[in-house]
C-alpha atoms as a PDB file:
ATOM      1  CA  MET A   1      -5.597  13.634   0.637  1.00  0.00           C
ATOM      2  CA  ALA A   2      -5.476  10.614  -1.704  1.00  0.00           C
ATOM      3  CA  GLN A   3      -6.161   7.279  -0.256  1.00  0.00           C
ATOM      4  CA  LEU A   4      -5.706   3.543  -1.365  1.00  0.00           C
ATOM      5  CA  HIS A   5      -8.619   1.212  -2.136  1.00  0.00           C
ATOM      6  CA  PHE A   6      -7.175  -1.819  -0.259  1.00  0.00           C
ATOM      7  CA  GLU A   7      -8.614  -5.297  -0.344  1.00  0.00           C
ATOM      8  CA  ILE A   8      -7.289  -8.587   1.078  1.00  0.00           C
ATOM      9  CA  THR A   9      -8.863 -11.809   0.054  1.00  0.00           C
ATOM     10  CA  THR A  10      -8.189 -15.437   0.920  1.00  0.00           C
ATOM     11  CA  PRO A  11      -9.783 -18.494  -0.827  1.00  0.00           C
ATOM     12  CA  GLU A  12     -12.430 -18.443   2.008  1.00  0.00           C
ATOM     13  CA  ARG A  13     -13.336 -14.799   2.418  1.00  0.00           C
ATOM     14  CA  THR A  14     -12.687 -11.110   2.001  1.00  0.00           C
ATOM     15  CA  VAL A  15     -10.806 -10.277   5.187  1.00  0.00           C
ATOM     16  CA  TYR A  16     -10.646  -6.479   4.767  1.00  0.00           C
ATOM     17  CA  LYS A  17     -11.933  -3.943   2.132  1.00  0.00           C
ATOM     18  CA  GLU A  18     -11.639  -0.185   2.821  1.00  0.00           C
ATOM     19  CA  GLU A  19     -10.231   3.010   1.725  1.00  0.00           C
ATOM     20  CA  VAL A  20      -6.900   3.360   3.665  1.00  0.00           C
ATOM     21  CA  ASP A  21      -3.818   5.670   4.018  1.00  0.00           C
ATOM     22  CA  GLN A  22      -1.144   3.079   3.753  1.00  0.00           C
ATOM     23  CA  VAL A  23      -0.415  -0.700   3.854  1.00  0.00           C
ATOM     24  CA  THR A  24       2.915  -2.432   4.903  1.00  0.00           C
ATOM     25  CA  VAL A  25       3.398  -5.956   3.709  1.00  0.00           C
ATOM     26  CA  PRO A  26       5.932  -8.662   4.010  1.00  0.00           C
ATOM     27  CA  THR A  27       7.416  -9.585   0.644  1.00  0.00           C
ATOM     28  CA  SER A  28      10.106 -11.878  -0.538  1.00  0.00           C
ATOM     29  CA  MET A  29      12.379  -8.973  -0.945  1.00  0.00           C
ATOM     30  CA  GLY A  30      11.536  -7.404   2.471  1.00  0.00           C
ATOM     31  CA  GLU A  31       8.919  -5.331   4.043  1.00  0.00           C
ATOM     32  CA  ILE A  32       7.308  -2.562   1.861  1.00  0.00           C
ATOM     33  CA  THR A  33       4.935   0.215   2.568  1.00  0.00           C
ATOM     34  CA  ILE A  34       2.495   1.336  -0.118  1.00  0.00           C
ATOM     35  CA  LEU A  35       1.328   4.887  -0.123  1.00  0.00           C
ATOM     36  CA  PRO A  36      -1.105   6.632  -2.454  1.00  0.00           C
ATOM     37  CA  ASN A  37       0.248   7.068  -5.941  1.00  0.00           C
ATOM     38  CA  HIS A  38       2.743   4.210  -5.573  1.00  0.00           C
ATOM     39  CA  ILE A  39       4.236   2.848  -8.781  1.00  0.00           C
ATOM     40  CA  SER A  40       2.615  -0.381 -10.145  1.00  0.00           C
ATOM     41  CA  LEU A  41       3.953  -3.535  -8.563  1.00  0.00           C
ATOM     42  CA  VAL A  42       3.348  -7.196  -8.291  1.00  0.00           C
ATOM     43  CA  SER A  43       5.177  -9.116  -5.502  1.00  0.00           C
ATOM     44  CA  GLN A  44       5.133 -12.397  -3.642  1.00  0.00           C
ATOM     45  CA  LEU A  45       4.210 -12.254   0.012  1.00  0.00           C
ATOM     46  CA  VAL A  46       5.906 -14.209   2.720  1.00  0.00           C
ATOM     47  CA  PRO A  47       4.628 -15.163   6.242  1.00  0.00           C
ATOM     48  CA  GLY A  48       4.525 -12.112   8.440  1.00  0.00           C
ATOM     49  CA  ALA A  49       2.700  -9.105   9.634  1.00  0.00           C
ATOM     50  CA  LEU A  50       0.549  -6.936   7.356  1.00  0.00           C
ATOM     51  CA  VAL A  51      -0.387  -3.498   8.814  1.00  0.00           C
ATOM     52  CA  VAL A  52      -3.104  -1.167   7.428  1.00  0.00           C
ATOM     53  CA  LYS A  53      -3.390   2.440   8.539  1.00  0.00           C
ATOM     54  CA  ARG A  54      -6.541   4.476   8.166  1.00  0.00           C
ATOM     55  CA  GLY A  55      -6.432   7.716  10.069  1.00  0.00           C
ATOM     56  CA  ASN A  56      -5.728   6.869  13.649  1.00  0.00           C
ATOM     57  CA  ASP A  57      -6.864   3.144  13.164  1.00  0.00           C
ATOM     58  CA  ILE A  58      -4.164   0.566  12.757  1.00  0.00           C
ATOM     59  CA  THR A  59      -5.174  -2.932  11.739  1.00  0.00           C
ATOM     60  CA  HIS A  60      -2.580  -5.786  12.214  1.00  0.00           C
ATOM     61  CA  MET A  61      -3.050  -9.023  10.206  1.00  0.00           C
ATOM     62  CA  ALA A  62      -1.110 -12.237   9.893  1.00  0.00           C
ATOM     63  CA  VAL A  63      -0.555 -13.521   6.343  1.00  0.00           C
ATOM     64  CA  SER A  64       0.986 -16.838   5.358  1.00  0.00           C
ATOM     65  CA  GLY A  65       1.973 -15.873   1.860  1.00  0.00           C
ATOM     66  CA  GLY A  66       0.290 -15.037  -1.400  1.00  0.00           C
ATOM     67  CA  PHE A  67       0.685 -12.018  -3.749  1.00  0.00           C
ATOM     68  CA  ILE A  68       0.232  -8.353  -3.708  1.00  0.00           C
ATOM     69  CA  GLU A  69      -0.679  -6.138  -6.759  1.00  0.00           C
ATOM     70  CA  VAL A  70      -0.560  -2.381  -6.739  1.00  0.00           C
ATOM     71  CA  ARG A  71      -2.255  -0.662  -9.693  1.00  0.00           C
ATOM     72  CA  LYS A  72      -1.860   2.851 -10.879  1.00  0.00           C
ATOM     73  CA  ASN A  73      -5.323   3.949  -9.871  1.00  0.00           C
ATOM     74  CA  ASN A  74      -4.479   3.708  -6.046  1.00  0.00           C
ATOM     75  CA  GLU A  75      -5.708   0.094  -5.831  1.00  0.00           C
ATOM     76  CA  VAL A  76      -3.984  -2.476  -3.789  1.00  0.00           C
ATOM     77  CA  VAL A  77      -5.156  -6.053  -4.069  1.00  0.00           C
ATOM     78  CA  VAL A  78      -3.742  -8.816  -1.812  1.00  0.00           C
ATOM     79  CA  LEU A  79      -4.570 -12.429  -2.589  1.00  0.00           C
ATOM     80  CA  ALA A  80      -3.332 -14.322   0.462  1.00  0.00           C
ATOM     81  CA  ASP A  81      -3.186 -17.971   1.234  1.00  0.00           C
ATOM     82  CA  SER A  82      -4.481 -17.260   4.589  1.00  0.00           C
ATOM     83  CA  ALA A  83      -4.990 -13.935   6.574  1.00  0.00           C
ATOM     84  CA  GLU A  84      -6.336 -13.100  10.085  1.00  0.00           C
ATOM     85  CA  LYS A  85      -6.828  -9.963  11.899  1.00  0.00           C
ATOM     86  CA  ALA A  86      -4.916  -9.845  15.118  1.00  0.00           C
ATOM     87  CA  GLU A  87      -8.136 -10.099  17.351  1.00  0.00           C
ATOM     88  CA  GLU A  88      -9.161 -13.292  15.397  1.00  0.00           C
ATOM     89  CA  ILE A  89      -6.036 -15.158  16.306  1.00  0.00           C
ATOM     90  CA  ASP A  90      -6.172 -17.716  19.066  1.00  0.00           C
ATOM     91  CA  ILE A  91      -2.766 -17.525  20.863  1.00  0.00           C
ATOM     92  CA  LYS A  92      -2.980 -20.873  22.457  1.00  0.00           C
ATOM     93  CA  ARG A  93      -3.767 -22.570  19.081  1.00  0.00           C
ATOM     94  CA  ALA A  94      -0.911 -20.700  17.354  1.00  0.00           C
ATOM     95  CA  GLU A  95       1.444 -21.793  20.023  1.00  0.00           C
ATOM     96  CA  GLU A  96       0.437 -25.364  19.818  1.00  0.00           C
ATOM     97  CA  ALA A  97       0.957 -25.068  16.022  1.00  0.00           C
ATOM     98  CA  ARG A  98       4.411 -23.752  16.532  1.00  0.00           C
ATOM     99  CA  ALA A  99       5.194 -26.568  18.783  1.00  0.00           C
ATOM    100  CA  ARG A 100       3.883 -29.122  16.342  1.00  0.00           C
ATOM    101  CA  ALA A 101       5.805 -27.686  13.517  1.00  0.00           C
ATOM    102  CA  ARG A 102       9.061 -27.615  15.599  1.00  0.00           C
ATOM    103  CA  GLN A 103       8.441 -31.406  16.595  1.00  0.00           C
ATOM    104  CA  LEU A 104       7.883 -32.247  12.952  1.00  0.00           C
ATOM    105  CA  MET A 105      11.090 -30.458  11.903  1.00  0.00           C
ATOM    106  CA  ASN A 106      13.048 -32.385  14.411  1.00  0.00           C
ATOM    107  CA  GLY A 107      11.679 -35.652  13.274  1.00  0.00           C
ATOM    108  CA  LYS A 108      11.733 -35.052   9.435  1.00  0.00           C
ATOM    109  CA  ARG A 109      15.354 -33.953   8.600  1.00  0.00           C
ATOM    110  CA  ARG A 110      15.854 -36.661   6.110  1.00  0.00           C
ATOM    111  CA  ASP A 111      12.590 -36.017   4.237  1.00  0.00           C
ATOM    112  CA  GLU A 112      13.215 -32.717   2.450  1.00  0.00           C
ATOM    113  CA  GLU A 113       9.517 -32.200   1.400  1.00  0.00           C
ATOM    114  CA  ALA A 114       8.060 -32.882   4.993  1.00  0.00           C
ATOM    115  CA  PHE A 115      10.830 -30.792   6.480  1.00  0.00           C
ATOM    116  CA  ALA A 116      10.078 -27.864   4.067  1.00  0.00           C
ATOM    117  CA  ASP A 117       6.232 -28.229   5.030  1.00  0.00           C
ATOM    118  CA  ALA A 118       7.131 -28.048   8.750  1.00  0.00           C
ATOM    119  CA  VAL A 119       9.332 -24.969   8.302  1.00  0.00           C
ATOM    120  CA  ALA A 120       6.382 -23.303   6.261  1.00  0.00           C
ATOM    121  CA  GLU A 121       3.989 -24.173   9.127  1.00  0.00           C
ATOM    122  CA  LEU A 122       6.529 -22.814  11.756  1.00  0.00           C
ATOM    123  CA  GLU A 123       6.846 -19.451   9.758  1.00  0.00           C
ATOM    124  CA  LYS A 124       3.008 -19.129   9.533  1.00  0.00           C
ATOM    125  CA  SER A 125       2.475 -19.848  13.298  1.00  0.00           C
ATOM    126  CA  MET A 126       5.317 -17.490  14.317  1.00  0.00           C
ATOM    127  CA  ALA A 127       3.780 -14.726  12.143  1.00  0.00           C
ATOM    128  CA  ARG A 128       0.361 -15.264  13.763  1.00  0.00           C
ATOM    129  CA  LEU A 129       1.860 -15.069  17.339  1.00  0.00           C
ATOM    130  CA  LYS A 130       3.877 -12.020  16.547  1.00  0.00           C
ATOM    131  CA  VAL A 131       0.832 -10.145  15.081  1.00  0.00           C
ATOM    132  CA  ALA A 132      -1.521 -11.304  17.934  1.00  0.00           C
ATOM    133  CA  LYS A 133       0.988 -10.413  20.826  1.00  0.00           C
ATOM    134  CA  ARG A 134       1.900  -7.017  19.302  1.00  0.00           C
ATOM    135  CA  ALA A 135      -1.753  -6.072  18.987  1.00  0.00           C
ATOM    136  CA  ARG A 136      -2.617  -7.273  22.580  1.00  0.00           C
ATOM    137  CA  HIS A 137       0.539  -5.380  23.892  1.00  0.00           C
ATOM    138  CA  ARG A 138      -0.568  -2.231  22.326  1.00  0.00           C
ATOM    139  CA  GLY A 139      -4.110  -2.669  23.837  1.00  0.00           C
ATOM    140  CA  HIS A 140      -2.562  -2.737  27.336  1.00  0.00           C
ATOM    141  CA  HIS A 141      -0.214   0.262  27.074  1.00  0.00           C
ATOM    142  CA  GLY A 142      -1.961   2.565  24.564  1.00  0.00           C
ATOM    143  CA  VAL A 143       1.036   3.204  22.426  1.00  0.00           C
ATOM    144  CA  GLY A 144       1.979   0.869  19.589  1.00  0.00           C
ATOM    145  CA  SER A 145       5.322   0.060  18.127  1.00  0.00           C
ATOM    146  CA  GLU A 146       4.550   2.880  15.621  1.00  0.00           C
ATOM    147  CA  GLY A 147       4.536   5.356  18.457  1.00  0.00           C
ATOM    148  CA  ILE A 148       0.992   6.442  17.852  1.00  0.00           C
ATOM    149  CA  LEU A 149      -1.126   6.920  20.838  1.00  0.00           C
ATOM    150  CA  GLN A 150      -4.240   4.566  20.510  1.00  0.00           C
ATOM    151  CA  GLU A 151      -7.480   6.044  21.885  1.00  0.00           C
END
């Protein structure tokens, strides 16, 4: 069975680089899933959850934006502003960031640029929390939202 050569890189590091079965990413046009032999594509990423499936392994990551390129030779490259695997996310810090962003939004309604920055920070922290909580929930119950039994 064909696989995808998937790589996700941030300005700081390569977060993940493996042969995988599928990748689901949050784009500006909605969530898309890339399977082997997908058409070529370039799209903008938005803050959200990125999911990688490799056999029975499912890896959840939070991304804050960036770009995805799907190439004809089953290569998928994500250049992300930031990306963290679920197990790397500190929930307490993410909740604190969400609270700070909401506080900034409430105080910056007249300053459009500062308000937009606060909204972007809120979206990023919400994506991190969603990914971290989903992965931790799966660990406690054995079955993920995909309905796949985790061993």
